PDB file of N, CA and C in Angstrom:
ATOM      1  N   MET A   1     -10.969 -20.142   3.984  1.00  0.00           N
ATOM      2  CA  MET A   1     -10.599 -20.106   2.561  1.00  0.00           C
ATOM      3  C   MET A   1     -10.488 -18.663   2.064  1.00  0.00           C
ATOM      4  N   GLY A   2     -11.446 -17.845   2.432  1.00  0.00           N
ATOM      5  CA  GLY A   2     -11.439 -16.444   1.993  1.00  0.00           C
ATOM      6  C   GLY A   2     -10.219 -15.681   2.497  1.00  0.00           C
ATOM      7  N   THR A   3      -9.775 -16.039   3.716  1.00  0.00           N
ATOM      8  CA  THR A   3      -8.612 -15.336   4.275  1.00  0.00           C
ATOM      9  C   THR A   3      -7.352 -15.651   3.481  1.00  0.00           C
ATOM     10  N   ILE A   4      -7.229 -16.886   3.006  1.00  0.00           N
ATOM     11  CA  ILE A   4      -6.067 -17.286   2.204  1.00  0.00           C
ATOM     12  C   ILE A   4      -6.040 -16.493   0.894  1.00  0.00           C
ATOM     13  N   ILE A   5      -7.197 -16.398   0.249  1.00  0.00           N
ATOM     14  CA  ILE A   5      -7.300 -15.636  -1.002  1.00  0.00           C
ATOM     15  C   ILE A   5      -6.979 -14.163  -0.742  1.00  0.00           C
ATOM     16  N   GLY A   6      -7.494 -13.638   0.349  1.00  0.00           N
ATOM     17  CA  GLY A   6      -7.221 -12.251   0.726  1.00  0.00           C
ATOM     18  C   GLY A   6      -5.737 -11.997   0.928  1.00  0.00           C
ATOM     19  N   LEU A   7      -5.069 -12.942   1.613  1.00  0.00           N
ATOM     20  CA  LEU A   7      -3.630 -12.810   1.836  1.00  0.00           C
ATOM     21  C   LEU A   7      -2.853 -12.887   0.526  1.00  0.00           C
ATOM     22  N   LEU A   8      -3.300 -13.759  -0.373  1.00  0.00           N
ATOM     23  CA  LEU A   8      -2.649 -13.865  -1.687  1.00  0.00           C
ATOM     24  C   LEU A   8      -2.775 -12.556  -2.464  1.00  0.00           C
ATOM     25  N   ILE A   9      -3.972 -11.974  -2.428  1.00  0.00           N
ATOM     26  CA  ILE A   9      -4.194 -10.692  -3.117  1.00  0.00           C
ATOM     27  C   ILE A   9      -3.295  -9.619  -2.516  1.00  0.00           C
ATOM     28  N   LEU A  10      -3.212  -9.583  -1.179  1.00  0.00           N
ATOM     29  CA  LEU A  10      -2.342  -8.607  -0.516  1.00  0.00           C
ATOM     30  C   LEU A  10      -0.876  -8.835  -0.877  1.00  0.00           C
ATOM     31  N   ALA A  11      -0.463 -10.107  -0.914  1.00  0.00           N
ATOM     32  CA  ALA A  11       0.929 -10.424  -1.255  1.00  0.00           C
ATOM     33  C   ALA A  11       1.252  -9.998  -2.681  1.00  0.00           C
ATOM     34  N   CYS A  12       0.332 -10.270  -3.600  1.00  0.00           N
ATOM     35  CA  CYS A  12       0.523  -9.860  -4.999  1.00  0.00           C
ATOM     36  C   CYS A  12       0.556  -8.341  -5.115  1.00  0.00           C
ATOM     37  N   GLY A  13      -0.350  -7.682  -4.415  1.00  0.00           N
ATOM     38  CA  GLY A  13      -0.389  -6.225  -4.411  1.00  0.00           C
ATOM     39  C   GLY A  13       0.900  -5.645  -3.852  1.00  0.00           C
ATOM     40  N   ASP A  14       1.417  -6.284  -2.795  1.00  0.00           N
ATOM     41  CA  ASP A  14       2.650  -5.835  -2.177  1.00  0.00           C
ATOM     42  C   ASP A  14       3.822  -5.972  -3.145  1.00  0.00           C
ATOM     43  N   LEU A  15       3.899  -7.113  -3.835  1.00  0.00           N
ATOM     44  CA  LEU A  15       4.959  -7.326  -4.828  1.00  0.00           C
ATOM     45  C   LEU A  15       4.848  -6.320  -5.966  1.00  0.00           C
ATOM     46  N   TYR A  16       3.621  -6.055  -6.408  1.00  0.00           N
ATOM     47  CA  TYR A  16       3.382  -5.090  -7.489  1.00  0.00           C
ATOM     48  C   TYR A  16       3.851  -3.699  -7.076  1.00  0.00           C
ATOM     49  N   LEU A  17       3.468  -3.296  -5.860  1.00  0.00           N
ATOM     50  CA  LEU A  17       3.885  -1.990  -5.354  1.00  0.00           C
ATOM     51  C   LEU A  17       5.393  -1.915  -5.201  1.00  0.00           C
ATOM     52  N   LYS A  18       5.988  -3.023  -4.741  1.00  0.00           N
ATOM     53  CA  LYS A  18       7.436  -3.061  -4.548  1.00  0.00           C
ATOM     54  C   LYS A  18       8.153  -2.828  -5.872  1.00  0.00           C
ATOM     55  N   LYS A  19       7.649  -3.445  -6.940  1.00  0.00           N
ATOM     56  CA  LYS A  19       8.246  -3.250  -8.263  1.00  0.00           C
ATOM     57  C   LYS A  19       8.014  -1.828  -8.759  1.00  0.00           C
ATOM     58  N   LYS A  20       6.804  -1.324  -8.535  1.00  0.00           N
ATOM     59  CA  LYS A  20       6.419  -0.027  -9.097  1.00  0.00           C
ATOM     60  C   LYS A  20       7.027   1.144  -8.333  1.00  0.00           C
ATOM     61  N   THR A  21       6.970   1.103  -7.011  1.00  0.00           N
ATOM     62  CA  THR A  21       7.390   2.251  -6.210  1.00  0.00           C
ATOM     63  C   THR A  21       8.610   1.976  -5.346  1.00  0.00           C
ATOM     64  N   GLY A  22       8.981   0.702  -5.177  1.00  0.00           N
ATOM     65  CA  GLY A  22      10.101   0.362  -4.310  1.00  0.00           C
ATOM     66  C   GLY A  22       9.733   0.361  -2.833  1.00  0.00           C
ATOM     67  N   LEU A  23       8.436   0.474  -2.548  1.00  0.00           N
ATOM     68  CA  LEU A  23       7.969   0.496  -1.162  1.00  0.00           C
ATOM     69  C   LEU A  23       7.052  -0.683  -0.894  1.00  0.00           C
ATOM     70  N   HIS A  24       7.075  -1.169   0.343  1.00  0.00           N
ATOM     71  CA  HIS A  24       6.097  -2.170   0.760  1.00  0.00           C
ATOM     72  C   HIS A  24       4.828  -1.448   1.208  1.00  0.00           C
ATOM     73  N   PHE A  25       3.733  -2.204   1.321  1.00  0.00           N
ATOM     74  CA  PHE A  25       2.444  -1.619   1.689  1.00  0.00           C
ATOM     75  C   PHE A  25       2.507  -0.681   2.897  1.00  0.00           C
ATOM     76  N   PRO A  26       3.055  -1.099   4.051  1.00  0.00           N
ATOM     77  CA  PRO A  26       3.045  -0.203   5.216  1.00  0.00           C
ATOM     78  C   PRO A  26       3.773   1.103   4.953  1.00  0.00           C
ATOM     79  N   GLN A  27       4.922   1.042   4.266  1.00  0.00           N
ATOM     80  CA  GLN A  27       5.684   2.249   3.944  1.00  0.00           C
ATOM     81  C   GLN A  27       4.896   3.135   2.986  1.00  0.00           C
ATOM     82  N   TRP A  28       4.264   2.496   1.987  1.00  0.00           N
ATOM     83  CA  TRP A  28       3.516   3.227   0.972  1.00  0.00           C
ATOM     84  C   TRP A  28       2.316   3.927   1.593  1.00  0.00           C
ATOM     85  N   ILE A  29       1.616   3.201   2.477  1.00  0.00           N
ATOM     86  CA  ILE A  29       0.437   3.767   3.147  1.00  0.00           C
ATOM     87  C   ILE A  29       0.851   4.946   4.026  1.00  0.00           C
ATOM     88  N   SER A  30       1.936   4.797   4.783  1.00  0.00           N
ATOM     89  CA  SER A  30       2.377   5.886   5.651  1.00  0.00           C
ATOM     90  C   SER A  30       2.826   7.090   4.830  1.00  0.00           C
ATOM     91  N   LYS A  31       3.437   6.834   3.675  1.00  0.00           N
ATOM     92  CA  LYS A  31       3.854   7.913   2.776  1.00  0.00           C
ATOM     93  C   LYS A  31       2.631   8.663   2.243  1.00  0.00           C
ATOM     94  N   LYS A  32       1.635   7.896   1.780  1.00  0.00           N
ATOM     95  CA  LYS A  32       0.402   8.511   1.283  1.00  0.00           C
ATOM     96  C   LYS A  32      -0.296   9.295   2.393  1.00  0.00           C
ATOM     97  N   TYR A  33      -0.293   8.739   3.607  1.00  0.00           N
ATOM     98  CA  TYR A  33      -0.927   9.394   4.749  1.00  0.00           C
ATOM     99  C   TYR A  33      -0.247  10.726   5.050  1.00  0.00           C
ATOM    100  N   LYS A  34       1.089  10.730   5.041  1.00  0.00           N
ATOM    101  CA  LYS A  34       1.835  11.966   5.289  1.00  0.00           C
ATOM    102  C   LYS A  34       1.545  12.998   4.209  1.00  0.00           C
ATOM    103  N   GLU A  35       1.496  12.549   2.954  1.00  0.00           N
ATOM    104  CA  GLU A  35       1.201  13.457   1.846  1.00  0.00           C
ATOM    105  C   GLU A  35      -0.185  14.065   1.996  1.00  0.00           C
ATOM    106  N   SER A  36      -1.162  13.242   2.396  1.00  0.00           N
ATOM    107  CA  SER A  36      -2.530  13.733   2.550  1.00  0.00           C
ATOM    108  C   SER A  36      -2.630  14.703   3.730  1.00  0.00           C
ATOM    109  N   GLN A  37      -1.770  14.532   4.735  1.00  0.00           N
ATOM    110  CA  GLN A  37      -1.761  15.448   5.874  1.00  0.00           C
ATOM    111  C   GLN A  37      -1.198  16.809   5.469  1.00  0.00           C
ATOM    112  N   LYS A  38      -0.226  16.805   4.557  1.00  0.00           N
ATOM    113  CA  LYS A  38       0.402  18.056   4.114  1.00  0.00           C
ATOM    114  C   LYS A  38      -0.556  18.900   3.278  1.00  0.00           C
ATOM    115  N   LYS A  39      -1.353  18.237   2.440  1.00  0.00           N
ATOM    116  CA  LYS A  39      -2.227  18.968   1.526  1.00  0.00           C
ATOM    117  C   LYS A  39      -3.316  19.732   2.294  1.00  0.00           C
ATOM    118  N   PRO A  40      -3.537  20.998   1.942  1.00  0.00           N
ATOM    119  CA  PRO A  40      -4.622  21.739   2.587  1.00  0.00           C
ATOM    120  C   PRO A  40      -5.972  21.206   2.163  1.00  0.00           C
ATOM    121  N   LYS A  41      -6.887  21.183   3.092  1.00  0.00           N
ATOM    122  CA  LYS A  41      -8.217  20.650   2.787  1.00  0.00           C
ATOM    123  C   LYS A  41      -9.013  21.652   1.973  1.00  0.00           C
ATOM    124  N   GLU A  42      -9.644  21.159   0.903  1.00  0.00           N
ATOM    125  CA  GLU A  42     -10.458  22.039   0.070  1.00  0.00           C
ATOM    126  C   GLU A  42     -11.849  22.174   0.670  1.00  0.00           C
TER     127      GLU A  42
END
């Protein structure tokens, strides 16, 4: 049961991100990861 709810939350989050940024979760995560790699560590 918990896995179904988890998948629903992920699906909703994915749709929200798609509307907001035009990216799906994997693309968005990889984009954020690349950005964090570029930034110098404080």
